[in-house]
C-alpha atoms as a PDB file:
ATOM      1  CA  MET A   1       8.585 -23.416   6.757  1.00  0.00           C
ATOM      2  CA  LYS A   2       7.546 -23.175  10.397  1.00  0.00           C
ATOM      3  CA  SER A   3       4.222 -22.541  11.412  1.00  0.00           C
ATOM      4  CA  ARG A   4       4.898 -20.400  14.304  1.00  0.00           C
ATOM      5  CA  VAL A   5       4.930 -16.705  14.253  1.00  0.00           C
ATOM      6  CA  ASN A   6       8.692 -15.599  14.079  1.00  0.00           C
ATOM      7  CA  THR A   7       9.456 -11.826  14.079  1.00  0.00           C
ATOM      8  CA  LYS A   8      13.218 -12.270  14.337  1.00  0.00           C
ATOM      9  CA  ARG A   9      15.203 -12.913  11.331  1.00  0.00           C
ATOM     10  CA  SER A  10      18.697 -14.442  11.308  1.00  0.00           C
ATOM     11  CA  PRO A  11      21.575 -12.353  10.061  1.00  0.00           C
ATOM     12  CA  ALA A  12      22.751 -15.408   8.330  1.00  0.00           C
ATOM     13  CA  ASN A  13      19.430 -16.126   6.385  1.00  0.00           C
ATOM     14  CA  GLN A  14      19.236 -12.494   5.827  1.00  0.00           C
ATOM     15  CA  ALA A  15      22.598 -12.821   3.933  1.00  0.00           C
ATOM     16  CA  SER A  16      21.747 -15.882   1.916  1.00  0.00           C
ATOM     17  CA  LYS A  17      18.176 -14.915   0.715  1.00  0.00           C
ATOM     18  CA  PRO A  18      17.520 -12.250  -1.908  1.00  0.00           C
ATOM     19  CA  GLY A  19      15.457  -9.426  -0.699  1.00  0.00           C
ATOM     20  CA  PRO A  20      13.316  -7.181  -2.834  1.00  0.00           C
ATOM     21  CA  VAL A  21      14.759  -6.171  -6.180  1.00  0.00           C
ATOM     22  CA  PRO A  22      15.129  -2.377  -7.540  1.00  0.00           C
ATOM     23  CA  LEU A  23      13.025  -2.514 -10.851  1.00  0.00           C
ATOM     24  CA  GLN A  24      16.083  -0.620 -12.885  1.00  0.00           C
ATOM     25  CA  THR A  25      18.168  -4.095 -12.383  1.00  0.00           C
ATOM     26  CA  LEU A  26      15.332  -6.481 -13.736  1.00  0.00           C
ATOM     27  CA  PRO A  27      15.400  -7.922 -16.904  1.00  0.00           C
ATOM     28  CA  ARG A  28      13.064  -7.498 -19.733  1.00  0.00           C
ATOM     29  CA  GLY A  29       9.504  -8.973 -19.671  1.00  0.00           C
ATOM     30  CA  LEU A  30       6.322  -7.889 -18.540  1.00  0.00           C
ATOM     31  CA  PHE A  31       6.465  -4.400 -19.969  1.00  0.00           C
ATOM     32  CA  GLY A  32       8.530  -5.556 -23.081  1.00  0.00           C
ATOM     33  CA  GLY A  33       5.356  -5.207 -25.079  1.00  0.00           C
ATOM     34  CA  PRO A  34       4.544  -2.213 -27.821  1.00  0.00           C
ATOM     35  CA  GLN A  35       1.724  -1.454 -25.998  1.00  0.00           C
ATOM     36  CA  MET A  36       3.666  -0.096 -23.189  1.00  0.00           C
ATOM     37  CA  ALA A  37       5.755   1.952 -25.212  1.00  0.00           C
ATOM     38  CA  ASN A  38       3.675   5.351 -24.892  1.00  0.00           C
ATOM     39  CA  VAL A  39       2.540   4.828 -21.221  1.00  0.00           C
ATOM     40  CA  ASN A  40       5.367   6.689 -19.478  1.00  0.00           C
ATOM     41  CA  ALA A  41       4.616  10.555 -19.729  1.00  0.00           C
ATOM     42  CA  MET A  42       8.122  11.305 -19.336  1.00  0.00           C
ATOM     43  CA  GLY A  43       9.151   9.677 -22.603  1.00  0.00           C
ATOM     44  CA  ARG A  44      11.417   7.200 -20.631  1.00  0.00           C
ATOM     45  CA  ARG A  45      11.168   3.770 -21.507  1.00  0.00           C
ATOM     46  CA  PRO A  46      10.651   1.974 -18.461  1.00  0.00           C
ATOM     47  CA  GLN A  47      12.563  -1.056 -17.300  1.00  0.00           C
ATOM     48  CA  PRO A  48      10.564  -4.155 -17.006  1.00  0.00           C
ATOM     49  CA  LEU A  49       9.193  -6.465 -14.276  1.00  0.00           C
ATOM     50  CA  PRO A  50      10.049 -10.137 -15.171  1.00  0.00           C
ATOM     51  CA  THR A  51       7.053 -12.250 -16.169  1.00  0.00           C
ATOM     52  CA  GLU A  52       8.153 -14.705 -13.371  1.00  0.00           C
ATOM     53  CA  ILE A  53       6.862 -12.331 -10.952  1.00  0.00           C
ATOM     54  CA  LEU A  54       3.217 -13.271 -11.886  1.00  0.00           C
ATOM     55  CA  GLN A  55       3.696 -16.864 -11.218  1.00  0.00           C
ATOM     56  CA  ALA A  56       2.624 -16.482  -7.483  1.00  0.00           C
ATOM     57  CA  SER A  57       1.913 -19.518  -5.320  1.00  0.00           C
ATOM     58  CA  ARG A  58      -1.598 -19.867  -3.668  1.00  0.00           C
ATOM     59  CA  GLY A  59       0.117 -20.113  -0.536  1.00  0.00           C
ATOM     60  CA  VAL A  60       1.570 -16.458  -0.657  1.00  0.00           C
ATOM     61  CA  ALA A  61       0.216 -15.380   2.660  1.00  0.00           C
ATOM     62  CA  GLY A  62       2.227 -18.265   4.589  1.00  0.00           C
ATOM     63  CA  PRO A  63       2.075 -19.788   8.259  1.00  0.00           C
ATOM     64  CA  ARG A  64       2.899 -16.745   9.642  1.00  0.00           C
ATOM     65  CA  LEU A  65      -0.447 -14.817   8.350  1.00  0.00           C
ATOM     66  CA  LYS A  66      -2.158 -18.151   9.917  1.00  0.00           C
ATOM     67  CA  ALA A  67      -0.606 -18.148  13.174  1.00  0.00           C
ATOM     68  CA  LEU A  68      -1.776 -14.587  13.552  1.00  0.00           C
ATOM     69  CA  PHE A  69      -5.555 -15.487  12.254  1.00  0.00           C
ATOM     70  CA  SER A  70      -5.360 -18.437  14.990  1.00  0.00           C
ATOM     71  CA  ALA A  71      -4.600 -16.358  17.655  1.00  0.00           C
ATOM     72  CA  MET A  72      -7.376 -13.613  16.638  1.00  0.00           C
ATOM     73  CA  SER A  73      -9.840 -16.426  16.350  1.00  0.00           C
ATOM     74  CA  SER A  74      -8.884 -17.782  19.724  1.00  0.00           C
ATOM     75  CA  ALA A  75      -9.055 -14.535  21.310  1.00  0.00           C
ATOM     76  CA  GLN A  76     -12.699 -14.070  19.490  1.00  0.00           C
ATOM     77  CA  VAL A  77     -11.367 -10.028  18.852  1.00  0.00           C
ATOM     78  CA  TYR A  78     -13.340 -10.222  15.238  1.00  0.00           C
ATOM     79  CA  ALA A  79     -16.475 -11.146  13.541  1.00  0.00           C
ATOM     80  CA  LYS A  80     -16.160 -14.883  12.660  1.00  0.00           C
ATOM     81  CA  THR A  81     -17.740 -14.535   9.178  1.00  0.00           C
ATOM     82  CA  ALA A  82     -17.782 -12.083   6.346  1.00  0.00           C
ATOM     83  CA  PRO A  83     -21.192 -10.163   6.327  1.00  0.00           C
ATOM     84  CA  THR A  84     -23.487 -11.092   3.528  1.00  0.00           C
ATOM     85  CA  GLU A  85     -24.335  -7.557   2.769  1.00  0.00           C
ATOM     86  CA  PRO A  86     -21.906  -4.830   2.290  1.00  0.00           C
ATOM     87  CA  VAL A  87     -20.724  -3.142   5.596  1.00  0.00           C
ATOM     88  CA  VAL A  88     -21.181   0.221   4.848  1.00  0.00           C
ATOM     89  CA  LYS A  89     -24.022   1.756   2.105  1.00  0.00           C
ATOM     90  CA  HIS A  90     -21.503   1.536  -0.661  1.00  0.00           C
ATOM     91  CA  SER A  91     -21.486  -0.248  -3.991  1.00  0.00           C
ATOM     92  CA  ARG A  92     -20.212  -3.467  -3.696  1.00  0.00           C
ATOM     93  CA  ILE A  93     -18.244  -5.393  -6.295  1.00  0.00           C
ATOM     94  CA  GLU A  94     -18.158  -9.143  -6.234  1.00  0.00           C
ATOM     95  CA  GLY A  95     -14.812 -11.009  -6.626  1.00  0.00           C
ATOM     96  CA  ALA A  96     -13.619 -13.881  -8.347  1.00  0.00           C
ATOM     97  CA  THR A  97     -13.734 -15.996  -4.875  1.00  0.00           C
ATOM     98  CA  PRO A  98     -17.032 -16.588  -3.095  1.00  0.00           C
ATOM     99  CA  GLY A  99     -17.402 -14.320  -0.172  1.00  0.00           C
ATOM    100  CA  CYS A 100     -14.506 -11.929  -1.221  1.00  0.00           C
ATOM    101  CA  TYR A 101     -15.911  -8.328  -2.466  1.00  0.00           C
ATOM    102  CA  ALA A 102     -14.699  -4.809  -2.776  1.00  0.00           C
ATOM    103  CA  ILE A 103     -16.400  -1.355  -1.540  1.00  0.00           C
ATOM    104  CA  GLU A 104     -15.592   2.023  -2.238  1.00  0.00           C
ATOM    105  CA  VAL A 105     -15.145   3.968   1.251  1.00  0.00           C
ATOM    106  CA  SER A 106     -13.261   6.834   2.142  1.00  0.00           C
ATOM    107  CA  ASP A 107      -9.917   6.318   4.215  1.00  0.00           C
ATOM    108  CA  THR A 108     -11.752   7.582   7.366  1.00  0.00           C
ATOM    109  CA  GLU A 109     -14.575   5.041   7.047  1.00  0.00           C
ATOM    110  CA  TYR A 110     -12.354   2.187   6.150  1.00  0.00           C
ATOM    111  CA  HIS A 111     -10.444   2.764   9.446  1.00  0.00           C
ATOM    112  CA  ASN A 112     -13.464   3.745  11.568  1.00  0.00           C
ATOM    113  CA  SER A 113     -16.729   1.534  10.087  1.00  0.00           C
ATOM    114  CA  VAL A 114     -15.347  -1.122   8.221  1.00  0.00           C
ATOM    115  CA  PRO A 115     -14.904  -4.489  10.334  1.00  0.00           C
ATOM    116  CA  GLY A 116     -12.207  -7.018   9.851  1.00  0.00           C
ATOM    117  CA  ILE A 117      -8.453  -7.060  10.516  1.00  0.00           C
ATOM    118  CA  SER A 118      -6.072  -4.904   8.826  1.00  0.00           C
ATOM    119  CA  SER A 119      -2.344  -5.542   8.160  1.00  0.00           C
ATOM    120  CA  THR A 120      -1.467  -2.615  10.620  1.00  0.00           C
ATOM    121  CA  GLY A 121      -3.667  -4.724  13.242  1.00  0.00           C
ATOM    122  CA  LEU A 122      -1.716  -8.028  12.458  1.00  0.00           C
ATOM    123  CA  LYS A 123       1.552  -5.732  12.899  1.00  0.00           C
ATOM    124  CA  GLN A 124       0.479  -5.023  16.406  1.00  0.00           C
ATOM    125  CA  LEU A 125      -0.510  -8.566  17.465  1.00  0.00           C
ATOM    126  CA  MET A 126       2.667  -9.874  16.457  1.00  0.00           C
ATOM    127  CA  ARG A 127       3.905  -7.926  19.490  1.00  0.00           C
ATOM    128  CA  SER A 128       1.267  -8.831  21.583  1.00  0.00           C
ATOM    129  CA  ALA A 129      -2.708  -9.000  22.412  1.00  0.00           C
ATOM    130  CA  ALA A 130      -2.037  -6.201  24.548  1.00  0.00           C
ATOM    131  CA  HIS A 131      -0.730  -4.162  22.064  1.00  0.00           C
ATOM    132  CA  PHE A 132      -3.271  -5.263  19.678  1.00  0.00           C
ATOM    133  CA  ARG A 133      -6.152  -3.931  21.925  1.00  0.00           C
ATOM    134  CA  ALA A 134      -4.355  -0.789  22.925  1.00  0.00           C
ATOM    135  CA  TRP A 135      -3.762  -0.189  19.224  1.00  0.00           C
ATOM    136  CA  ARG A 136      -7.667  -1.075  18.398  1.00  0.00           C
ATOM    137  CA  ASP A 137      -8.980   0.803  21.202  1.00  0.00           C
ATOM    138  CA  ASN A 138      -6.688   4.147  20.765  1.00  0.00           C
ATOM    139  CA  ARG A 139      -6.181   3.973  16.969  1.00  0.00           C
ATOM    140  CA  HIS A 140      -7.830   7.534  16.402  1.00  0.00           C
ATOM    141  CA  ASN A 141      -4.922   9.197  18.405  1.00  0.00           C
ATOM    142  CA  ASP A 142      -2.104   7.547  16.584  1.00  0.00           C
ATOM    143  CA  SER A 143      -1.399  10.783  14.199  1.00  0.00           C
ATOM    144  CA  THR A 144       2.390  11.415  14.038  1.00  0.00           C
ATOM    145  CA  PRO A 145       3.781  14.494  11.776  1.00  0.00           C
ATOM    146  CA  ALA A 146       5.696  11.601   9.787  1.00  0.00           C
ATOM    147  CA  ARG A 147       2.420   9.982   9.394  1.00  0.00           C
ATOM    148  CA  ARG A 148       0.340  12.984   8.655  1.00  0.00           C
ATOM    149  CA  PHE A 149       3.304  14.119   5.949  1.00  0.00           C
ATOM    150  CA  GLY A 150       3.078  10.373   4.348  1.00  0.00           C
ATOM    151  CA  GLN A 151      -0.756  10.582   4.309  1.00  0.00           C
ATOM    152  CA  ALA A 152      -0.614  13.965   2.498  1.00  0.00           C
ATOM    153  CA  VAL A 153       2.178  12.333  -0.238  1.00  0.00           C
ATOM    154  CA  HIS A 154      -0.569   9.410  -0.864  1.00  0.00           C
ATOM    155  CA  CYS A 155      -3.144  12.093  -1.350  1.00  0.00           C
ATOM    156  CA  LYS A 156      -1.524  14.138  -3.914  1.00  0.00           C
ATOM    157  CA  LEU A 157      -0.124  11.172  -5.625  1.00  0.00           C
ATOM    158  CA  LEU A 158      -3.339   8.965  -5.505  1.00  0.00           C
ATOM    159  CA  GLU A 159      -6.436  11.435  -5.061  1.00  0.00           C
ATOM    160  CA  PRO A 160      -4.997  14.532  -6.486  1.00  0.00           C
ATOM    161  CA  HIS A 161      -8.529  15.893  -7.245  1.00  0.00           C
ATOM    162  CA  THR A 162      -9.540  15.709  -3.354  1.00  0.00           C
ATOM    163  CA  PHE A 163      -6.050  17.391  -2.073  1.00  0.00           C
ATOM    164  CA  ASP A 164      -7.308  21.118  -1.936  1.00  0.00           C
ATOM    165  CA  SER A 165     -10.418  19.578  -0.011  1.00  0.00           C
ATOM    166  CA  ARG A 166      -8.622  17.989   2.800  1.00  0.00           C
ATOM    167  CA  TYR A 167      -5.408  19.885   2.942  1.00  0.00           C
ATOM    168  CA  THR A 168      -4.302  23.603   3.059  1.00  0.00           C
ATOM    169  CA  VAL A 169      -1.135  25.463   3.433  1.00  0.00           C
ATOM    170  CA  TYR A 170      -0.495  28.303   5.804  1.00  0.00           C
ATOM    171  CA  ARG A 171       1.692  30.965   4.486  1.00  0.00           C
ATOM    172  CA  GLY A 172       1.998  33.693   7.618  1.00  0.00           C
ATOM    173  CA  GLY A 173       4.877  31.943   9.060  1.00  0.00           C
ATOM    174  CA  SER A 174       4.928  31.571  12.865  1.00  0.00           C
ATOM    175  CA  ARG A 175       1.771  29.369  13.755  1.00  0.00           C
ATOM    176  CA  ARG A 176       1.403  31.722  16.890  1.00  0.00           C
ATOM    177  CA  GLY A 177      -1.095  34.725  17.527  1.00  0.00           C
ATOM    178  CA  GLY A 178      -4.574  35.712  16.305  1.00  0.00           C
ATOM    179  CA  SER A 179      -3.948  35.114  12.615  1.00  0.00           C
ATOM    180  CA  TYR A 180      -3.002  31.670  12.751  1.00  0.00           C
ATOM    181  CA  ARG A 181      -5.960  30.953  15.161  1.00  0.00           C
ATOM    182  CA  ASP A 182      -8.264  32.479  12.772  1.00  0.00           C
ATOM    183  CA  PHE A 183      -6.712  30.618   9.842  1.00  0.00           C
ATOM    184  CA  LYS A 184      -7.163  27.248  11.748  1.00  0.00           C
ATOM    185  CA  LEU A 185     -10.759  28.043  12.350  1.00  0.00           C
ATOM    186  CA  ARG A 186     -11.455  28.711   8.844  1.00  0.00           C
ATOM    187  CA  ASN A 187     -10.164  25.329   7.804  1.00  0.00           C
ATOM    188  CA  ALA A 188     -11.284  23.159  10.625  1.00  0.00           C
ATOM    189  CA  ASN A 189     -11.893  20.354   8.483  1.00  0.00           C
ATOM    190  CA  ARG A 190      -8.596  20.367   6.565  1.00  0.00           C
ATOM    191  CA  THR A 191      -5.052  19.671   7.452  1.00  0.00           C
ATOM    192  CA  ILE A 192      -2.873  22.459   7.606  1.00  0.00           C
ATOM    193  CA  LEU A 193       0.667  22.171   5.948  1.00  0.00           C
ATOM    194  CA  SER A 194       3.586  24.357   6.276  1.00  0.00           C
ATOM    195  CA  VAL A 195       4.974  25.876   3.284  1.00  0.00           C
ATOM    196  CA  GLU A 196       8.296  23.529   3.906  1.00  0.00           C
ATOM    197  CA  GLU A 197       6.027  20.389   4.198  1.00  0.00           C
ATOM    198  CA  MET A 198       3.979  21.369   0.965  1.00  0.00           C
ATOM    199  CA  ASP A 199       7.261  21.644  -0.780  1.00  0.00           C
ATOM    200  CA  ARG A 200       8.241  18.329   0.586  1.00  0.00           C
ATOM    201  CA  VAL A 201       4.969  16.485  -0.598  1.00  0.00           C
ATOM    202  CA  GLU A 202       5.297  18.139  -4.184  1.00  0.00           C
ATOM    203  CA  GLY A 203       8.826  17.021  -4.167  1.00  0.00           C
ATOM    204  CA  CYS A 204       7.775  13.254  -3.439  1.00  0.00           C
ATOM    205  CA  VAL A 205       5.052  13.182  -5.837  1.00  0.00           C
ATOM    206  CA  SER A 206       7.255  14.748  -8.812  1.00  0.00           C
ATOM    207  CA  SER A 207      10.002  12.095  -7.773  1.00  0.00           C
ATOM    208  CA  LEU A 208       7.872   9.037  -7.877  1.00  0.00           C
ATOM    209  CA  LEU A 209       6.130  10.202 -11.065  1.00  0.00           C
ATOM    210  CA  GLU A 210       9.299  10.867 -13.275  1.00  0.00           C
ATOM    211  CA  THR A 211      11.668   8.327 -11.708  1.00  0.00           C
ATOM    212  CA  PRO A 212      12.436   5.453 -14.417  1.00  0.00           C
ATOM    213  CA  GLY A 213      12.117   1.893 -13.699  1.00  0.00           C
ATOM    214  CA  PHE A 214       8.030   1.610 -13.510  1.00  0.00           C
ATOM    215  CA  PRO A 215       5.902   3.666 -15.730  1.00  0.00           C
ATOM    216  CA  LEU A 216       3.716   5.111 -12.612  1.00  0.00           C
ATOM    217  CA  ARG A 217       2.115   7.900 -14.062  1.00  0.00           C
ATOM    218  CA  GLY A 218       0.779   5.685 -17.062  1.00  0.00           C
ATOM    219  CA  TYR A 219      -0.146   3.012 -14.405  1.00  0.00           C
ATOM    220  CA  LEU A 220      -2.039   5.515 -12.364  1.00  0.00           C
ATOM    221  CA  GLU A 221      -3.812   7.253 -15.244  1.00  0.00           C
ATOM    222  CA  GLY A 222      -3.908   4.741 -17.952  1.00  0.00           C
ATOM    223  CA  ALA A 223      -3.018   5.142 -21.470  1.00  0.00           C
ATOM    224  CA  LYS A 224      -5.137   5.268 -25.010  1.00  0.00           C
ATOM    225  CA  ASP A 225      -4.165   4.569 -28.464  1.00  0.00           C
ATOM    226  CA  ALA A 226      -4.621   7.176 -31.485  1.00  0.00           C
ATOM    227  CA  ASP A 227      -8.173   6.249 -31.433  1.00  0.00           C
ATOM    228  CA  GLY A 228      -9.229   6.677 -27.955  1.00  0.00           C
ATOM    229  CA  GLU A 229      -9.121   3.073 -26.918  1.00  0.00           C
ATOM    230  CA  TRP A 230      -7.703   2.118 -23.602  1.00  0.00           C
ATOM    231  CA  LEU A 231      -4.318   0.231 -23.903  1.00  0.00           C
ATOM    232  CA  VAL A 232      -3.714   0.190 -20.200  1.00  0.00           C
ATOM    233  CA  LYS A 233      -6.632   1.107 -17.914  1.00  0.00           C
ATOM    234  CA  PRO A 234      -5.945   3.468 -15.004  1.00  0.00           C
ATOM    235  CA  ALA A 235      -5.366   1.505 -11.765  1.00  0.00           C
ATOM    236  CA  ARG A 236      -8.127   1.474  -9.240  1.00  0.00           C
ATOM    237  CA  LYS A 237      -6.757   3.687  -6.250  1.00  0.00           C
ATOM    238  CA  GLU A 238      -7.460   3.201  -2.622  1.00  0.00           C
ATOM    239  CA  PHE A 239      -9.318   0.220  -3.217  1.00  0.00           C
ATOM    240  CA  THR A 240     -10.632  -1.802  -0.368  1.00  0.00           C
ATOM    241  CA  ILE A 241     -11.072  -5.624  -0.466  1.00  0.00           C
ATOM    242  CA  LEU A 242     -12.454  -8.037   2.168  1.00  0.00           C
ATOM    243  CA  TRP A 243     -12.736 -11.841   2.624  1.00  0.00           C
ATOM    244  CA  THR A 244     -13.099 -14.290   5.290  1.00  0.00           C
ATOM    245  CA  ASP A 245     -10.046 -16.442   6.065  1.00  0.00           C
ATOM    246  CA  GLU A 246     -11.800 -19.727   5.918  1.00  0.00           C
ATOM    247  CA  GLU A 247      -9.658 -21.706   8.236  1.00  0.00           C
ATOM    248  CA  THR A 248     -10.124 -19.299  11.264  1.00  0.00           C
ATOM    249  CA  GLY A 249     -13.023 -17.524  10.084  1.00  0.00           C
ATOM    250  CA  VAL A 250     -11.584 -13.987  10.476  1.00  0.00           C
ATOM    251  CA  LEU A 251     -12.569 -11.287   8.659  1.00  0.00           C
ATOM    252  CA  CYS A 252      -9.916  -9.537   6.842  1.00  0.00           C
ATOM    253  CA  LYS A 253      -9.514  -6.314   5.124  1.00  0.00           C
ATOM    254  CA  VAL A 254      -7.063  -4.482   2.943  1.00  0.00           C
ATOM    255  CA  ARG A 255      -6.448  -0.979   1.355  1.00  0.00           C
ATOM    256  CA  LEU A 256      -4.568  -1.024  -1.736  1.00  0.00           C
ATOM    257  CA  ASP A 257      -3.025   2.413  -2.544  1.00  0.00           C
ATOM    258  CA  ALA A 258      -3.632   1.163  -6.367  1.00  0.00           C
ATOM    259  CA  ILE A 259      -4.213  -2.044  -8.149  1.00  0.00           C
ATOM    260  CA  GLY A 260      -4.283  -2.637 -11.693  1.00  0.00           C
ATOM    261  CA  SER A 261      -6.091  -5.320 -13.422  1.00  0.00           C
ATOM    262  CA  ASP A 262      -4.361  -6.112 -16.577  1.00  0.00           C
ATOM    263  CA  PRO A 263      -1.784  -7.383 -15.456  1.00  0.00           C
ATOM    264  CA  VAL A 264      -2.492  -7.573 -12.197  1.00  0.00           C
ATOM    265  CA  ILE A 265      -0.055  -5.032 -10.272  1.00  0.00           C
ATOM    266  CA  ALA A 266      -0.480  -3.788  -6.525  1.00  0.00           C
ATOM    267  CA  PHE A 267       1.506  -0.762  -5.660  1.00  0.00           C
ATOM    268  CA  ASP A 268       2.011   0.683  -2.576  1.00  0.00           C
ATOM    269  CA  ALA A 269       3.988   4.166  -2.107  1.00  0.00           C
ATOM    270  CA  LYS A 270       6.367   4.605   1.017  1.00  0.00           C
ATOM    271  CA  THR A 271       8.208   7.593   2.103  1.00  0.00           C
ATOM    272  CA  CYS A 272      11.316   6.802   3.957  1.00  0.00           C
ATOM    273  CA  GLY A 273      14.928   8.385   5.072  1.00  0.00           C
ATOM    274  CA  ASP A 274      17.021   6.423   2.551  1.00  0.00           C
ATOM    275  CA  ALA A 275      15.511   4.716  -0.687  1.00  0.00           C
ATOM    276  CA  ARG A 276      18.484   2.762  -1.553  1.00  0.00           C
ATOM    277  CA  PRO A 277      18.643  -1.147  -1.640  1.00  0.00           C
ATOM    278  CA  ALA A 278      20.293  -1.686   1.744  1.00  0.00           C
ATOM    279  CA  ASP A 279      18.512   0.856   3.563  1.00  0.00           C
ATOM    280  CA  PHE A 280      15.182   0.210   2.561  1.00  0.00           C
ATOM    281  CA  THR A 281      15.381  -3.686   2.897  1.00  0.00           C
ATOM    282  CA  ARG A 282      16.250  -2.913   6.546  1.00  0.00           C
ATOM    283  CA  GLU A 283      13.133  -0.710   6.671  1.00  0.00           C
ATOM    284  CA  ILE A 284      11.022  -3.371   5.075  1.00  0.00           C
ATOM    285  CA  ALA A 285      12.240  -5.888   7.679  1.00  0.00           C
ATOM    286  CA  GLY A 286      11.904  -3.495  10.637  1.00  0.00           C
ATOM    287  CA  MET A 287       8.367  -2.158   9.784  1.00  0.00           C
ATOM    288  CA  ASN A 288       7.019  -5.565   8.597  1.00  0.00           C
ATOM    289  CA  TYR A 289       6.339  -4.351   5.256  1.00  0.00           C
ATOM    290  CA  ASP A 290       6.852  -8.050   4.108  1.00  0.00           C
ATOM    291  CA  LEU A 291       3.667  -8.969   5.750  1.00  0.00           C
ATOM    292  CA  GLN A 292       2.004  -6.173   4.466  1.00  0.00           C
ATOM    293  CA  ALA A 293       2.803  -7.169   1.022  1.00  0.00           C
ATOM    294  CA  ALA A 294       1.947 -10.919   1.490  1.00  0.00           C
ATOM    295  CA  TYR A 295      -1.672  -9.806   3.029  1.00  0.00           C
ATOM    296  CA  TYR A 296      -2.242  -7.430   0.251  1.00  0.00           C
ATOM    297  CA  MET A 297      -1.520  -9.910  -2.283  1.00  0.00           C
ATOM    298  CA  GLU A 298      -3.855 -12.611  -0.487  1.00  0.00           C
ATOM    299  CA  GLY A 299      -7.004 -10.052  -0.905  1.00  0.00           C
ATOM    300  CA  VAL A 300      -5.645  -9.451  -4.416  1.00  0.00           C
ATOM    301  CA  ARG A 301      -5.625 -13.018  -5.445  1.00  0.00           C
ATOM    302  CA  ARG A 302      -9.058 -13.709  -3.862  1.00  0.00           C
ATOM    303  CA  PHE A 303     -10.519 -10.797  -5.777  1.00  0.00           C
ATOM    304  CA  PHE A 304      -9.044 -11.098  -9.192  1.00  0.00           C
ATOM    305  CA  GLY A 305      -8.669 -14.914  -9.046  1.00  0.00           C
ATOM    306  CA  ARG A 306      -5.168 -14.850  -9.996  1.00  0.00           C
ATOM    307  CA  ASP A 307      -1.701 -13.831  -8.393  1.00  0.00           C
ATOM    308  CA  GLY A 308       0.470 -10.595  -9.442  1.00  0.00           C
ATOM    309  CA  ALA A 309       3.213  -8.316  -8.634  1.00  0.00           C
ATOM    310  CA  PHE A 310       3.484  -6.279  -5.648  1.00  0.00           C
ATOM    311  CA  ILE A 311       5.640  -2.984  -5.933  1.00  0.00           C
ATOM    312  CA  PHE A 312       6.847  -0.578  -3.182  1.00  0.00           C
ATOM    313  CA  GLY A 313       7.571   3.023  -4.442  1.00  0.00           C
ATOM    314  CA  ALA A 314      10.002   4.269  -2.173  1.00  0.00           C
ATOM    315  CA  VAL A 315      10.676   7.893  -1.778  1.00  0.00           C
ATOM    316  CA  GLU A 316      12.943   9.909   0.594  1.00  0.00           C
ATOM    317  CA  ALA A 317      11.010  12.451   2.551  1.00  0.00           C
ATOM    318  CA  LEU A 318      13.750  15.163   2.289  1.00  0.00           C
ATOM    319  CA  ALA A 319      15.175  16.665  -0.515  1.00  0.00           C
ATOM    320  CA  PRO A 320      16.219  15.736  -3.176  1.00  0.00           C
ATOM    321  CA  HIS A 321      13.794  12.981  -2.859  1.00  0.00           C
ATOM    322  CA  GLY A 322      15.794  10.215  -4.285  1.00  0.00           C
ATOM    323  CA  ALA A 323      13.174   7.184  -5.276  1.00  0.00           C
ATOM    324  CA  LEU A 324      13.137   3.631  -6.351  1.00  0.00           C
ATOM    325  CA  PHE A 325      10.727   0.942  -7.207  1.00  0.00           C
ATOM    326  CA  TYR A 326      11.070  -2.377  -5.503  1.00  0.00           C
ATOM    327  CA  VAL A 327       9.148  -5.643  -6.243  1.00  0.00           C
ATOM    328  CA  LEU A 328       8.382  -8.472  -3.811  1.00  0.00           C
ATOM    329  CA  GLY A 329       8.160 -11.908  -5.358  1.00  0.00           C
ATOM    330  CA  PRO A 330       6.482 -14.499  -3.665  1.00  0.00           C
ATOM    331  CA  ASP A 331       9.757 -16.624  -3.571  1.00  0.00           C
ATOM    332  CA  HIS A 332      11.537 -13.939  -1.741  1.00  0.00           C
ATOM    333  CA  ASP A 333      12.464 -14.772   1.874  1.00  0.00           C
ATOM    334  CA  PHE A 334      10.485 -11.391   2.510  1.00  0.00           C
ATOM    335  CA  MET A 335       7.245 -12.987   1.584  1.00  0.00           C
ATOM    336  CA  ALA A 336       7.630 -16.625   2.490  1.00  0.00           C
ATOM    337  CA  ASN A 337       8.701 -15.902   5.981  1.00  0.00           C
END
């Protein structure tokens, strides 16, 4: 395995190496136990994940991440060591690995107040140090309609109790004139969606929750037996983990959409144009989602002290909002590159 950063993938290599596998095609395994029978609120028996997915190697992050860490270390773009106290005044949860911990912060605090390099920063550094610095200095201005829509889907899916305080819908037609200006002033602290955007947000969330293949609703909400005891505890949402890379001293941070602890399964929702395997595989490569998955699972391994599975929930932004779940195992070329 080469130690240098290689952002180009050979077509020949892509053809010979397996990509992410849609969960609907996988054999019975992880979710085959009777305790999962009632997890799926839609009443569909989910197709299981293979147990070998959980047998990840300790080197899941790979030399690709190490090369990026080394570049940051030599450029001194971030602090050398993780702070001994929480970086913000929130509860701190110690991880299994010394120096690794989790904190409960809002999305705004994570991006603006929590130091460390994120997977988004690593993707920018892959282009050049100049691109990284430009992103770092202007990341408050990188909002686009597609990004705002994706954030709305994430909020509705993962934190529905906060959606109404963060988003509102303008139903007055054209966004011109005094009526809209008054509405905007009254909702200065909320993101304004159109009726069409809200319909698409709800369509994406419904599709992800109802698509068979992975019991997403039960994973997010948990499931109890007849006596009220947890069969599966709810996944933690928007979970932030920090650690220091020992080799380079770079402070690292990840913010997981959701993470379950028994078994360890990380979930990340992605809105896309086409959720079918061939198209979404290209999007994984083009958007460097493989780097994100490897980086996130490095944080997960350090916090929980064991490896787990990483699942993408891909949902099409336009109706009928087709959705598929994909798992990236540590042995896939995407994770090893």
